[in-house]
C-alpha atoms as a PDB file:
ATOM      1  CA  UNK A   1      21.790 -12.694  20.589  1.00  0.00           C
ATOM      2  CA  UNK A   2      20.420  -9.225  21.273  1.00  0.00           C
ATOM      3  CA  UNK A   3      16.936  -8.238  20.248  1.00  0.00           C
ATOM      4  CA  UNK A   4      17.128  -6.498  16.841  1.00  0.00           C
ATOM      5  CA  UNK A   5      15.976  -2.935  16.419  1.00  0.00           C
ATOM      6  CA  UNK A   6      12.692  -3.575  14.668  1.00  0.00           C
ATOM      7  CA  UNK A   7      11.502   0.016  14.929  1.00  0.00           C
ATOM      8  CA  UNK A   8       8.104   0.373  13.397  1.00  0.00           C
ATOM      9  CA  UNK A   9       5.849   3.302  12.857  1.00  0.00           C
ATOM     10  CA  UNK A  10       7.538   4.642   9.752  1.00  0.00           C
ATOM     11  CA  UNK A  11       5.666   6.261   6.898  1.00  0.00           C
ATOM     12  CA  UNK A  12       6.622   6.542   3.240  1.00  0.00           C
ATOM     13  CA  UNK A  13       4.972   8.333   0.340  1.00  0.00           C
ATOM     14  CA  UNK A  14       5.314   9.019  -3.369  1.00  0.00           C
ATOM     15  CA  UNK A  15       3.613  11.712  -5.438  1.00  0.00           C
ATOM     16  CA  UNK A  16       2.982  12.446  -9.110  1.00  0.00           C
ATOM     17  CA  UNK A  17       0.932  14.863 -11.158  1.00  0.00           C
ATOM     18  CA  UNK A  18      -1.652  13.114 -13.342  1.00  0.00           C
ATOM     19  CA  UNK A  19      -3.346  14.710 -16.343  1.00  0.00           C
ATOM     20  CA  UNK A  20      -6.793  13.419 -15.354  1.00  0.00           C
ATOM     21  CA  UNK A  21      -9.478  14.768 -13.043  1.00  0.00           C
ATOM     22  CA  UNK A  22      -9.544  13.628  -9.378  1.00  0.00           C
ATOM     23  CA  UNK A  23     -12.707  11.532  -9.796  1.00  0.00           C
ATOM     24  CA  UNK A  24     -11.212   9.583 -12.696  1.00  0.00           C
ATOM     25  CA  UNK A  25      -8.054   8.988 -10.656  1.00  0.00           C
ATOM     26  CA  UNK A  26     -10.154   7.900  -7.666  1.00  0.00           C
ATOM     27  CA  UNK A  27     -12.177   5.452  -9.768  1.00  0.00           C
ATOM     28  CA  UNK A  28      -8.904   3.889 -10.904  1.00  0.00           C
ATOM     29  CA  UNK A  29      -7.067   3.627  -7.574  1.00  0.00           C
ATOM     30  CA  UNK A  30     -10.114   2.402  -5.650  1.00  0.00           C
ATOM     31  CA  UNK A  31     -10.436  -0.652  -7.931  1.00  0.00           C
ATOM     32  CA  UNK A  32      -8.216  -3.027  -5.940  1.00  0.00           C
ATOM     33  CA  UNK A  33      -8.634  -5.737  -8.577  1.00  0.00           C
ATOM     34  CA  UNK A  34      -6.394  -3.640 -10.872  1.00  0.00           C
ATOM     35  CA  UNK A  35      -3.558  -2.912  -8.425  1.00  0.00           C
ATOM     36  CA  UNK A  36      -1.397  -5.616  -9.990  1.00  0.00           C
ATOM     37  CA  UNK A  37      -1.265  -3.547 -13.197  1.00  0.00           C
ATOM     38  CA  UNK A  38       0.903  -0.929 -11.471  1.00  0.00           C
ATOM     39  CA  UNK A  39       2.417  -2.352  -8.310  1.00  0.00           C
ATOM     40  CA  UNK A  40       5.698  -4.269  -8.521  1.00  0.00           C
ATOM     41  CA  UNK A  41       4.642  -6.283  -5.443  1.00  0.00           C
ATOM     42  CA  UNK A  42       0.839  -6.562  -5.394  1.00  0.00           C
ATOM     43  CA  UNK A  43      -0.570  -8.897  -8.021  1.00  0.00           C
ATOM     44  CA  UNK A  44      -4.226  -7.975  -7.528  1.00  0.00           C
ATOM     45  CA  UNK A  45      -7.065  -8.643  -5.179  1.00  0.00           C
ATOM     46  CA  UNK A  46     -10.675  -9.617  -4.806  1.00  0.00           C
ATOM     47  CA  UNK A  47     -13.515  -8.317  -2.708  1.00  0.00           C
ATOM     48  CA  UNK A  48     -14.659 -10.530   0.157  1.00  0.00           C
ATOM     49  CA  UNK A  49     -17.417  -8.733   2.077  1.00  0.00           C
ATOM     50  CA  UNK A  50     -19.407  -5.534   2.014  1.00  0.00           C
ATOM     51  CA  UNK A  51     -20.006  -3.142  -0.849  1.00  0.00           C
ATOM     52  CA  UNK A  52     -16.778  -3.017  -2.892  1.00  0.00           C
ATOM     53  CA  UNK A  53     -14.821   0.165  -2.264  1.00  0.00           C
ATOM     54  CA  UNK A  54     -16.912   1.322   0.698  1.00  0.00           C
ATOM     55  CA  UNK A  55     -15.678   1.706   4.295  1.00  0.00           C
ATOM     56  CA  UNK A  56     -15.915  -1.593   6.129  1.00  0.00           C
ATOM     57  CA  UNK A  57     -15.669  -3.715   2.988  1.00  0.00           C
ATOM     58  CA  UNK A  58     -12.905  -6.307   3.034  1.00  0.00           C
ATOM     59  CA  UNK A  59     -10.688  -7.753   0.363  1.00  0.00           C
ATOM     60  CA  UNK A  60      -7.747 -10.069  -0.105  1.00  0.00           C
ATOM     61  CA  UNK A  61      -4.610  -8.524  -1.548  1.00  0.00           C
ATOM     62  CA  UNK A  62      -2.184 -10.919  -3.244  1.00  0.00           C
ATOM     63  CA  UNK A  63       1.504 -10.115  -3.185  1.00  0.00           C
ATOM     64  CA  UNK A  64       4.748 -11.401  -4.627  1.00  0.00           C
ATOM     65  CA  UNK A  65       8.377 -10.512  -3.967  1.00  0.00           C
ATOM     66  CA  UNK A  66      10.831 -12.714  -5.834  1.00  0.00           C
ATOM     67  CA  UNK A  67       9.846 -16.301  -4.883  1.00  0.00           C
ATOM     68  CA  UNK A  68       7.865 -15.279  -1.784  1.00  0.00           C
ATOM     69  CA  UNK A  69       4.069 -14.952  -2.115  1.00  0.00           C
ATOM     70  CA  UNK A  70       1.498 -13.974   0.502  1.00  0.00           C
ATOM     71  CA  UNK A  71      -2.084 -12.819   0.855  1.00  0.00           C
ATOM     72  CA  UNK A  72      -3.333 -10.153   3.235  1.00  0.00           C
ATOM     73  CA  UNK A  73      -6.837  -9.424   4.453  1.00  0.00           C
ATOM     74  CA  UNK A  74      -7.603  -5.724   4.250  1.00  0.00           C
ATOM     75  CA  UNK A  75     -10.451  -3.415   5.184  1.00  0.00           C
ATOM     76  CA  UNK A  76     -11.358  -0.155   3.492  1.00  0.00           C
ATOM     77  CA  UNK A  77     -11.204   2.602   6.113  1.00  0.00           C
ATOM     78  CA  UNK A  78     -11.783   5.727   3.987  1.00  0.00           C
ATOM     79  CA  UNK A  79     -13.559   6.175   0.670  1.00  0.00           C
ATOM     80  CA  UNK A  80     -14.054   9.792  -0.351  1.00  0.00           C
ATOM     81  CA  UNK A  81     -14.549   9.920  -4.141  1.00  0.00           C
ATOM     82  CA  UNK A  82     -12.123  12.301  -5.809  1.00  0.00           C
ATOM     83  CA  UNK A  83     -10.222  12.825  -2.560  1.00  0.00           C
ATOM     84  CA  UNK A  84      -9.030   9.791  -0.584  1.00  0.00           C
ATOM     85  CA  UNK A  85      -9.091   5.999  -0.594  1.00  0.00           C
ATOM     86  CA  UNK A  86      -7.371   4.011   2.151  1.00  0.00           C
ATOM     87  CA  UNK A  87      -7.288   0.534   3.583  1.00  0.00           C
ATOM     88  CA  UNK A  88      -5.806  -1.192   6.604  1.00  0.00           C
ATOM     89  CA  UNK A  89      -3.943  -4.486   6.476  1.00  0.00           C
ATOM     90  CA  UNK A  90      -5.460  -6.563   9.257  1.00  0.00           C
ATOM     91  CA  UNK A  91      -3.492  -8.679  11.729  1.00  0.00           C
ATOM     92  CA  UNK A  92      -6.287 -10.873  13.040  1.00  0.00           C
ATOM     93  CA  UNK A  93      -6.135  -9.175  16.440  1.00  0.00           C
ATOM     94  CA  UNK A  94      -8.993  -6.797  17.277  1.00  0.00           C
ATOM     95  CA  UNK A  95      -8.139  -3.120  16.823  1.00  0.00           C
ATOM     96  CA  UNK A  96      -4.620  -3.868  15.512  1.00  0.00           C
ATOM     97  CA  UNK A  97      -3.656  -3.082  11.932  1.00  0.00           C
ATOM     98  CA  UNK A  98      -0.277  -4.015  10.483  1.00  0.00           C
ATOM     99  CA  UNK A  99      -0.236  -1.090   8.088  1.00  0.00           C
ATOM    100  CA  UNK A 100      -2.360   1.458   6.289  1.00  0.00           C
ATOM    101  CA  UNK A 101      -2.115   2.205   2.577  1.00  0.00           C
ATOM    102  CA  UNK A 102      -3.766   5.262   1.049  1.00  0.00           C
ATOM    103  CA  UNK A 103      -4.189   7.309  -2.081  1.00  0.00           C
ATOM    104  CA  UNK A 104      -4.868  11.025  -1.766  1.00  0.00           C
ATOM    105  CA  UNK A 105      -6.045  13.142  -4.680  1.00  0.00           C
ATOM    106  CA  UNK A 106      -6.182  16.909  -4.897  1.00  0.00           C
ATOM    107  CA  UNK A 107      -7.010  19.112  -7.885  1.00  0.00           C
ATOM    108  CA  UNK A 108      -4.000  20.354  -9.818  1.00  0.00           C
ATOM    109  CA  UNK A 109      -3.752  23.841 -11.273  1.00  0.00           C
ATOM    110  CA  UNK A 110      -4.146  22.554 -14.833  1.00  0.00           C
ATOM    111  CA  UNK A 111      -7.297  20.518 -14.204  1.00  0.00           C
ATOM    112  CA  UNK A 112      -5.225  17.444 -13.450  1.00  0.00           C
ATOM    113  CA  UNK A 113      -4.642  15.746 -10.120  1.00  0.00           C
ATOM    114  CA  UNK A 114      -1.884  15.633  -7.561  1.00  0.00           C
ATOM    115  CA  UNK A 115      -1.789  11.958  -6.549  1.00  0.00           C
ATOM    116  CA  UNK A 116      -0.022  10.809  -3.383  1.00  0.00           C
ATOM    117  CA  UNK A 117       0.277   7.210  -2.258  1.00  0.00           C
ATOM    118  CA  UNK A 118       1.166   6.677   1.413  1.00  0.00           C
ATOM    119  CA  UNK A 119       2.234   3.663   3.404  1.00  0.00           C
ATOM    120  CA  UNK A 120       2.318   3.632   7.189  1.00  0.00           C
ATOM    121  CA  UNK A 121       3.730   0.640   9.028  1.00  0.00           C
ATOM    122  CA  UNK A 122       2.152   0.180  12.447  1.00  0.00           C
ATOM    123  CA  UNK A 123       3.510  -3.223  13.422  1.00  0.00           C
ATOM    124  CA  UNK A 124       5.663  -5.767  11.652  1.00  0.00           C
ATOM    125  CA  UNK A 125       3.898  -8.801  10.221  1.00  0.00           C
ATOM    126  CA  UNK A 126       4.485 -11.776  12.517  1.00  0.00           C
ATOM    127  CA  UNK A 127       6.561 -13.803  10.052  1.00  0.00           C
ATOM    128  CA  UNK A 128       8.847 -10.881   9.192  1.00  0.00           C
ATOM    129  CA  UNK A 129       9.294  -9.972  12.861  1.00  0.00           C
ATOM    130  CA  UNK A 130      10.172 -13.579  13.722  1.00  0.00           C
ATOM    131  CA  UNK A 131      12.703 -13.716  10.883  1.00  0.00           C
ATOM    132  CA  UNK A 132      14.343 -10.511  12.141  1.00  0.00           C
ATOM    133  CA  UNK A 133      14.518 -11.857  15.690  1.00  0.00           C
ATOM    134  CA  UNK A 134      16.556 -14.850  14.481  1.00  0.00           C
ATOM    135  CA  UNK A 135      19.178 -12.619  12.847  1.00  0.00           C
ATOM    136  CA  UNK A 136      22.137 -10.841  14.412  1.00  0.00           C
ATOM    137  CA  UNK A 137      21.262  -7.216  15.170  1.00  0.00           C
ATOM    138  CA  UNK A 138      23.252  -5.728  12.265  1.00  0.00           C
ATOM    139  CA  UNK A 139      21.693  -8.119   9.738  1.00  0.00           C
ATOM    140  CA  UNK A 140      18.203  -7.409  11.067  1.00  0.00           C
ATOM    141  CA  UNK A 141      18.789  -3.658  10.776  1.00  0.00           C
ATOM    142  CA  UNK A 142      20.050  -4.103   7.202  1.00  0.00           C
ATOM    143  CA  UNK A 143      17.027  -6.215   6.277  1.00  0.00           C
ATOM    144  CA  UNK A 144      14.715  -3.503   7.677  1.00  0.00           C
ATOM    145  CA  UNK A 145      16.598  -0.856   5.667  1.00  0.00           C
ATOM    146  CA  UNK A 146      16.268  -2.949   2.500  1.00  0.00           C
ATOM    147  CA  UNK A 147      12.553  -3.482   3.080  1.00  0.00           C
ATOM    148  CA  UNK A 148      11.968   0.254   3.489  1.00  0.00           C
ATOM    149  CA  UNK A 149      13.793   0.875   0.215  1.00  0.00           C
ATOM    150  CA  UNK A 150      11.745  -1.826  -1.537  1.00  0.00           C
ATOM    151  CA  UNK A 151       8.559  -0.197  -0.283  1.00  0.00           C
ATOM    152  CA  UNK A 152       9.742   3.298  -1.258  1.00  0.00           C
ATOM    153  CA  UNK A 153      10.563   2.057  -4.767  1.00  0.00           C
ATOM    154  CA  UNK A 154       7.217   0.233  -5.007  1.00  0.00           C
ATOM    155  CA  UNK A 155       5.298   3.397  -4.087  1.00  0.00           C
ATOM    156  CA  UNK A 156       7.085   5.427  -6.766  1.00  0.00           C
ATOM    157  CA  UNK A 157       6.629   2.735  -9.408  1.00  0.00           C
ATOM    158  CA  UNK A 158       2.951   2.360  -8.524  1.00  0.00           C
ATOM    159  CA  UNK A 159       2.014   6.046  -8.818  1.00  0.00           C
ATOM    160  CA  UNK A 160       4.016   6.374 -12.043  1.00  0.00           C
ATOM    161  CA  UNK A 161       2.215   3.308 -13.425  1.00  0.00           C
ATOM    162  CA  UNK A 162      -1.173   4.762 -12.513  1.00  0.00           C
ATOM    163  CA  UNK A 163      -0.241   8.038 -14.201  1.00  0.00           C
ATOM    164  CA  UNK A 164       0.919   6.209 -17.329  1.00  0.00           C
ATOM    165  CA  UNK A 165      -2.295   4.176 -17.492  1.00  0.00           C
ATOM    166  CA  UNK A 166      -4.545   7.220 -17.086  1.00  0.00           C
ATOM    167  CA  UNK A 167      -2.641   9.465 -19.462  1.00  0.00           C
ATOM    168  CA  UNK A 168      -2.414   6.822 -22.193  1.00  0.00           C
ATOM    169  CA  UNK A 169      -6.008   5.589 -22.100  1.00  0.00           C
END
């Protein structure tokens, strides 16, 4: 069996306009305990160490996709109120992050906010990489394509859910 093409390093994003000011949007997206309200995959999280929402603080993120569930340990890497909130998914190895998730906010022309959520994959999680390595190359490539589409859909659903929550509260 040949080694599958498990190309990493891709980035995805989704954007919406929200009729709320950037600081209100920031306060919402930086509360990781609420992520399960909007994300089709993340079911929520809890703070582990540090001051919640500040760089260096860590949290567990709980996830579900069909019957598969998993928990990640994450670290806040940027926290700029009204502007940017991002976190890295840790791998357990020093200086290696599996991925980085972020929300970027910029003022809109109407007093609202342009909200962008980004996902950058740095390295495949060990279990997913091992599963791909057991598959024929074509199946592994198809599974990677499907996962990218799932992530792309999740980003769009998440930012739309955040917008709906903020505009209907």
